[in-house]
Amino acid sequence: MAQWDMQSLLSRQILLTLQGANWQRSGGKGQKPKPIPLPDGKGRGDQPAKGKPSGADIAQRLKNLGLIPAGATD
């Protein structure tokens, strides 16, 4: 993904959002728009998220960010 700068990634997301909004307003007729593939080929595409993180995972992430004091959830 080093080949794409932040401007390119943002433009890609804006384009996909506009295409999706137009597709919705048309009543979902035609093929759903697909994102422009990233150069590394690891784009998520239309796949849903793998699953919801557990409460312990979320608490650990918040601790790592310093948003929860170290002994608060132990």
C-alpha atoms as a PDB file:
ATOM      1  CA  MET A   1       0.000   0.000   0.000  1.00  0.00           C
ATOM      2  CA  ALA A   2       3.068   2.223   0.012  1.00  0.00           C
ATOM      3  CA  GLN A   3       2.251   3.097  -3.589  1.00  0.00           C
ATOM      4  CA  TRP A   4      -0.918   4.944  -2.506  1.00  0.00           C
ATOM      5  CA  ASP A   5      -0.693   8.169  -0.538  1.00  0.00           C
ATOM      6  CA  MET A   6      -3.376   9.400   1.872  1.00  0.00           C
ATOM      7  CA  GLN A   7      -4.970  11.581  -0.826  1.00  0.00           C
ATOM      8  CA  SER A   8      -5.423   8.580  -3.116  1.00  0.00           C
ATOM      9  CA  LEU A   9      -6.907   6.427  -0.340  1.00  0.00           C
ATOM     10  CA  LEU A  10      -9.309   9.188   0.662  1.00  0.00           C
ATOM     11  CA  SER A  11     -10.360   9.732  -2.959  1.00  0.00           C
ATOM     12  CA  ARG A  12     -10.961   5.979  -3.310  1.00  0.00           C
ATOM     13  CA  GLN A  13     -13.222   5.980  -0.239  1.00  0.00           C
ATOM     14  CA  ILE A  14     -15.138   9.074  -1.378  1.00  0.00           C
ATOM     15  CA  LEU A  15     -15.726   7.519  -4.799  1.00  0.00           C
ATOM     16  CA  LEU A  16     -17.018   4.272  -3.269  1.00  0.00           C
ATOM     17  CA  THR A  17     -19.321   6.202  -0.913  1.00  0.00           C
ATOM     18  CA  LEU A  18     -20.800   8.235  -3.766  1.00  0.00           C
ATOM     19  CA  GLN A  19     -21.243   5.165  -5.947  1.00  0.00           C
ATOM     20  CA  GLY A  20     -22.949   3.342  -3.073  1.00  0.00           C
ATOM     21  CA  ALA A  21     -25.266   6.272  -2.372  1.00  0.00           C
ATOM     22  CA  ASN A  22     -26.278   6.508  -6.029  1.00  0.00           C
ATOM     23  CA  TRP A  23     -26.833   2.743  -6.135  1.00  0.00           C
ATOM     24  CA  GLN A  24     -29.083   2.958  -3.040  1.00  0.00           C
ATOM     25  CA  ARG A  25     -31.102   5.847  -4.474  1.00  0.00           C
ATOM     26  CA  SER A  26     -31.707   3.834  -7.627  1.00  0.00           C
ATOM     27  CA  GLY A  27     -33.435   1.182  -5.533  1.00  0.00           C
ATOM     28  CA  GLY A  28     -30.500  -1.219  -5.604  1.00  0.00           C
ATOM     29  CA  LYS A  29     -30.925  -1.887  -9.314  1.00  0.00           C
ATOM     30  CA  GLY A  30     -27.902  -3.178 -11.105  1.00  0.00           C
ATOM     31  CA  GLN A  31     -24.697  -4.471  -9.640  1.00  0.00           C
ATOM     32  CA  LYS A  32     -23.589  -3.142  -6.260  1.00  0.00           C
ATOM     33  CA  PRO A  33     -20.479  -0.958  -6.662  1.00  0.00           C
ATOM     34  CA  LYS A  34     -17.171  -2.555  -5.723  1.00  0.00           C
ATOM     35  CA  PRO A  35     -14.154  -0.723  -4.299  1.00  0.00           C
ATOM     36  CA  ILE A  36     -11.115  -0.061  -6.433  1.00  0.00           C
ATOM     37  CA  PRO A  37      -8.647  -2.819  -5.495  1.00  0.00           C
ATOM     38  CA  LEU A  38      -5.576  -1.785  -3.535  1.00  0.00           C
ATOM     39  CA  PRO A  39      -2.197  -2.513  -5.146  1.00  0.00           C
ATOM     40  CA  ASP A  40      -1.280  -5.061  -2.441  1.00  0.00           C
ATOM     41  CA  GLY A  41      -4.416  -7.120  -3.161  1.00  0.00           C
ATOM     42  CA  LYS A  42      -5.374  -7.325   0.515  1.00  0.00           C
ATOM     43  CA  GLY A  43      -8.501  -5.196   0.169  1.00  0.00           C
ATOM     44  CA  ARG A  44     -11.451  -6.364   2.210  1.00  0.00           C
ATOM     45  CA  GLY A  45     -13.901  -5.974  -0.649  1.00  0.00           C
ATOM     46  CA  ASP A  46     -17.529  -6.777   0.114  1.00  0.00           C
ATOM     47  CA  GLN A  47     -16.812  -9.247   2.906  1.00  0.00           C
ATOM     48  CA  PRO A  48     -18.316  -8.490   6.318  1.00  0.00           C
ATOM     49  CA  ALA A  49     -16.157  -8.119   9.404  1.00  0.00           C
ATOM     50  CA  LYS A  50     -14.854 -11.422  10.801  1.00  0.00           C
ATOM     51  CA  GLY A  51     -16.683 -11.097  14.093  1.00  0.00           C
ATOM     52  CA  LYS A  52     -17.237  -8.886  17.083  1.00  0.00           C
ATOM     53  CA  PRO A  53     -14.355  -8.582  19.539  1.00  0.00           C
ATOM     54  CA  SER A  54     -15.032  -9.781  23.058  1.00  0.00           C
ATOM     55  CA  GLY A  55     -15.272  -7.448  26.022  1.00  0.00           C
ATOM     56  CA  ALA A  56     -11.818  -8.534  27.211  1.00  0.00           C
ATOM     57  CA  ASP A  57     -10.322  -7.664  23.813  1.00  0.00           C
ATOM     58  CA  ILE A  58     -11.912  -4.227  23.866  1.00  0.00           C
ATOM     59  CA  ALA A  59     -10.749  -3.589  27.448  1.00  0.00           C
ATOM     60  CA  GLN A  60      -7.184  -4.590  26.520  1.00  0.00           C
ATOM     61  CA  ARG A  61      -7.194  -2.258  23.528  1.00  0.00           C
ATOM     62  CA  LEU A  62      -8.440   0.621  25.665  1.00  0.00           C
ATOM     63  CA  LYS A  63      -5.717  -0.116  28.249  1.00  0.00           C
ATOM     64  CA  ASN A  64      -3.094  -0.105  25.495  1.00  0.00           C
ATOM     65  CA  LEU A  65      -4.333   3.310  24.384  1.00  0.00           C
ATOM     66  CA  GLY A  66      -4.188   4.599  27.951  1.00  0.00           C
ATOM     67  CA  LEU A  67      -7.940   5.211  28.090  1.00  0.00           C
ATOM     68  CA  ILE A  68      -8.422   2.792  31.019  1.00  0.00           C
ATOM     69  CA  PRO A  69      -6.053   2.892  34.029  1.00  0.00           C
ATOM     70  CA  ALA A  70      -3.942  -0.273  34.398  1.00  0.00           C
ATOM     71  CA  GLY A  71      -5.719  -1.745  37.438  1.00  0.00           C
ATOM     72  CA  ALA A  72      -9.284  -0.678  36.619  1.00  0.00           C
ATOM     73  CA  THR A  73     -10.571  -3.903  35.009  1.00  0.00           C
ATOM     74  CA  ASP A  74      -8.424  -6.498  36.744  1.00  0.00           C
END
